[in-house]
Protein backbone atom coordinates (compact mmCIF):
# COMPACT_ATOMS: atom_id res chain seq x y z
CA MET A 1 0.01 0.01 0.00
CA THR A 2 1.43 3.38 -0.98
CA VAL A 3 1.26 6.38 1.21
CA ILE A 4 -0.98 8.18 -1.33
CA HIS A 5 -3.35 5.27 -1.32
CA MET A 6 -3.38 5.25 2.47
CA ILE A 7 -4.11 8.94 2.59
CA ASP A 8 -6.86 8.57 0.02
CA ASP A 9 -8.50 5.91 2.14
CA VAL A 10 -8.40 7.98 5.29
CA VAL A 11 -8.76 11.65 4.33
CA ARG A 12 -10.76 12.85 1.28
CA ILE A 13 -11.42 16.59 1.40
CA PRO A 14 -14.06 18.21 -0.86
CA LYS A 15 -12.50 20.88 -3.09
CA ILE A 16 -15.46 23.09 -4.05
CA THR A 17 -15.08 25.67 -6.87
CA ILE A 18 -17.05 28.84 -6.76
CA ILE A 19 -17.52 31.01 -9.89
CA ASP A 20 -18.17 34.74 -9.62
CA ASN A 21 -21.06 35.27 -12.08
CA TYR A 22 -19.86 38.81 -12.98
CA ASP A 23 -16.28 38.24 -14.14
CA LYS A 24 -16.28 34.36 -14.19
CA HIS A 25 -13.33 34.24 -11.81
CA GLU A 26 -12.96 30.84 -10.18
CA THR A 27 -11.82 30.17 -6.66
CA TYR A 28 -12.18 27.55 -3.97
CA VAL A 29 -14.42 27.68 -0.88
CA GLY A 30 -12.22 28.38 2.15
CA TRP A 31 -9.46 30.30 0.32
CA ASP A 32 -10.94 33.55 1.74
CA GLN A 33 -11.91 34.14 5.38
CA HIS A 34 -15.21 35.58 4.22
CA ASP A 35 -16.38 32.30 2.61
CA GLU A 36 -19.36 30.57 4.21
CA LEU A 37 -21.21 27.36 3.36
CA GLU A 38 -24.66 26.64 4.68
CA ILE A 39 -27.12 23.78 4.32
CA ASP A 40 -30.65 25.00 3.59
CA ASP A 41 -33.01 23.75 6.34
CA LYS A 42 -35.96 23.52 3.88
CA THR A 43 -34.39 21.98 0.83
CA GLY A 44 -31.14 20.41 2.17
CA GLY A 45 -29.30 22.32 -0.60
CA LEU A 46 -25.84 23.62 -0.17
CA HIS A 47 -25.36 27.39 -0.46
CA TYR A 48 -22.27 29.56 -0.57
CA ARG A 49 -22.07 33.16 0.66
CA ASN A 50 -19.32 35.75 0.53
CA LEU A 51 -19.71 37.45 3.88
CA GLN A 52 -17.88 40.54 2.70
CA ASN A 53 -20.18 41.51 -0.06
CA CYS A 54 -23.24 39.41 1.13
CA GLU A 55 -23.66 37.79 -2.28
CA GLY A 56 -23.89 34.10 -2.80
CA THR A 57 -25.50 31.24 -4.67
CA SER A 58 -29.24 31.11 -5.46
CA LYS A 59 -30.57 31.27 -1.89
CA TYR A 60 -28.93 34.62 -1.42
CA LYS A 61 -29.65 36.02 -4.86
CA ASP A 62 -32.14 38.84 -5.17
CA LYS A 63 -30.31 40.17 -8.22
CA THR A 64 -29.78 39.07 -11.77
CA ASP A 65 -28.00 35.96 -12.85
CA SER A 66 -24.95 38.00 -13.79
CA GLU A 67 -24.40 38.83 -10.10
CA GLY A 68 -23.63 36.58 -7.20
CA TYR A 69 -21.93 33.21 -7.38
CA SER A 70 -22.42 29.81 -8.86
CA PHE A 71 -20.99 26.40 -7.86
CA GLY A 72 -18.37 24.99 -10.25
CA LYS A 73 -16.99 21.49 -9.82
CA ILE A 74 -16.87 19.63 -6.55
CA GLU A 75 -14.15 17.04 -6.33
CA TYR A 76 -12.29 15.15 -3.66
CA ILE A 77 -8.59 15.57 -3.00
CA ASN A 78 -6.22 13.87 -0.58
CA PHE A 79 -4.08 15.45 2.08
CA LEU A 80 -0.97 15.75 -0.13
CA GLN A 81 -2.97 17.40 -2.84
CA LEU A 82 -4.19 19.89 -0.31
CA LEU A 83 -0.65 20.58 0.74
CA ASP A 84 0.27 21.14 -2.94
CA MET A 85 -2.67 23.54 -3.41
CA GLN A 86 -1.50 25.57 -0.52
CA ALA A 87 2.11 25.54 -1.77
CA GLU A 88 0.87 26.70 -5.18
CA HIS A 89 -1.18 29.38 -3.60
CA LEU A 90 1.99 30.61 -1.73
CA LYS A 91 4.12 30.17 -4.88
CA CYS A 92 6.45 27.79 -3.17
CA LYS A 93 5.51 24.41 -4.72
CA ASP A 94 8.84 24.12 -6.55
CA ASP A 95 10.86 25.33 -3.60
CA GLY A 96 13.35 22.76 -2.37
CA GLU A 97 12.52 23.28 1.24
CA TYR A 98 8.78 22.55 0.60
CA GLN A 99 9.76 19.39 -1.22
CA ILE A 100 11.90 18.19 1.62
CA LEU A 101 9.11 18.92 4.10
CA LYS A 102 6.65 17.03 1.94
CA GLU A 103 9.01 14.00 1.65
CA LYS A 104 9.35 14.00 5.45
CA ILE A 105 5.50 13.97 5.81
CA ILE A 106 5.33 11.13 3.37
CA GLU A 107 7.98 9.21 5.28
CA TYR A 108 6.30 9.93 8.60
CA PHE A 109 2.87 8.65 7.31
CA SER A 110 4.54 5.59 5.78
CA GLU A 111 6.07 4.62 9.19
CA LYS A 112 2.72 5.18 10.95
CA GLN A 113 0.94 3.16 8.39
CA LYS A 114 3.37 0.34 8.69
CA GLU A 115 2.97 0.34 12.46
CA LEU A 116 -0.85 0.30 12.20
CA GLU A 117 -0.78 -2.60 9.71
CA GLU A 118 1.55 -4.53 12.07
CA GLU A 119 -0.72 -3.95 14.96
CA ARG A 120 -3.79 -5.03 13.01
CA GLN A 121 -1.98 -8.15 11.87
CA LYS A 122 -1.13 -9.09 15.47
CA MET A 123 -4.76 -8.56 16.45
CA PHE A 124 -5.92 -10.69 13.52
CA GLU A 125 -3.50 -13.53 14.48
CA LYS A 126 -4.57 -13.38 18.12
CA THR A 127 -8.26 -13.56 17.18
CA PHE A 128 -7.68 -16.31 14.65
CA LYS A 129 -5.76 -18.34 17.29
CA PHE A 130 -8.59 -17.91 19.76
CA ILE A 131 -11.20 -19.01 17.25
CA LYS A 132 -9.24 -22.13 16.48
CA SER A 133 -8.71 -22.94 20.17
CA ASP A 134 -10.90 -25.10 22.29
CA GLU A 135 -11.85 -22.16 24.42
CA TYR A 136 -13.90 -20.56 21.56
CA ASP A 137 -17.66 -21.14 21.94
CA PRO A 138 -19.58 -19.41 19.14
CA SER A 139 -22.83 -19.56 21.12
CA GLU A 140 -21.35 -16.92 23.42
CA PHE A 141 -21.40 -14.48 20.50
CA ASP A 142 -24.41 -15.76 18.53
CA PRO A 143 -26.94 -18.08 20.28
CA ASP A 144 -28.36 -19.06 16.87
CA TRP A 145 -24.95 -19.93 15.29
CA ASP A 146 -25.86 -23.60 14.88
CA LYS A 147 -29.11 -22.78 12.99
CA ILE A 148 -27.39 -21.24 10.07
């Protein structure tokens, strides 16, 4: 199992694109401190609002379609992709120091993943030995086990 795969399995973060209907500029929810997401109590729909100018998606529109915001694409990214997005935003993605830090993070997660897998393997072996032993009585766990 690679680290990227492990991170995909554990952490998937929604990356939500917002489009300004006036100038068609695209950005991501959360890149600005004035971004807010809300779930509509009546419809269950997701709505975006820019708290700075009080404009947002359809729930907050009382203007024309050329004003406000629209949702773009919603995709899921992993933790390392999020780090790369932040590094791109800060214009340091190709910086050697960032690359070294990212490699250290990957190495750290690899070690932790290996430890976790070893721990799970030990638990599995212990459980399997117990099930194969004479001490194991399936009726303790499922009284109807013999009716299957």
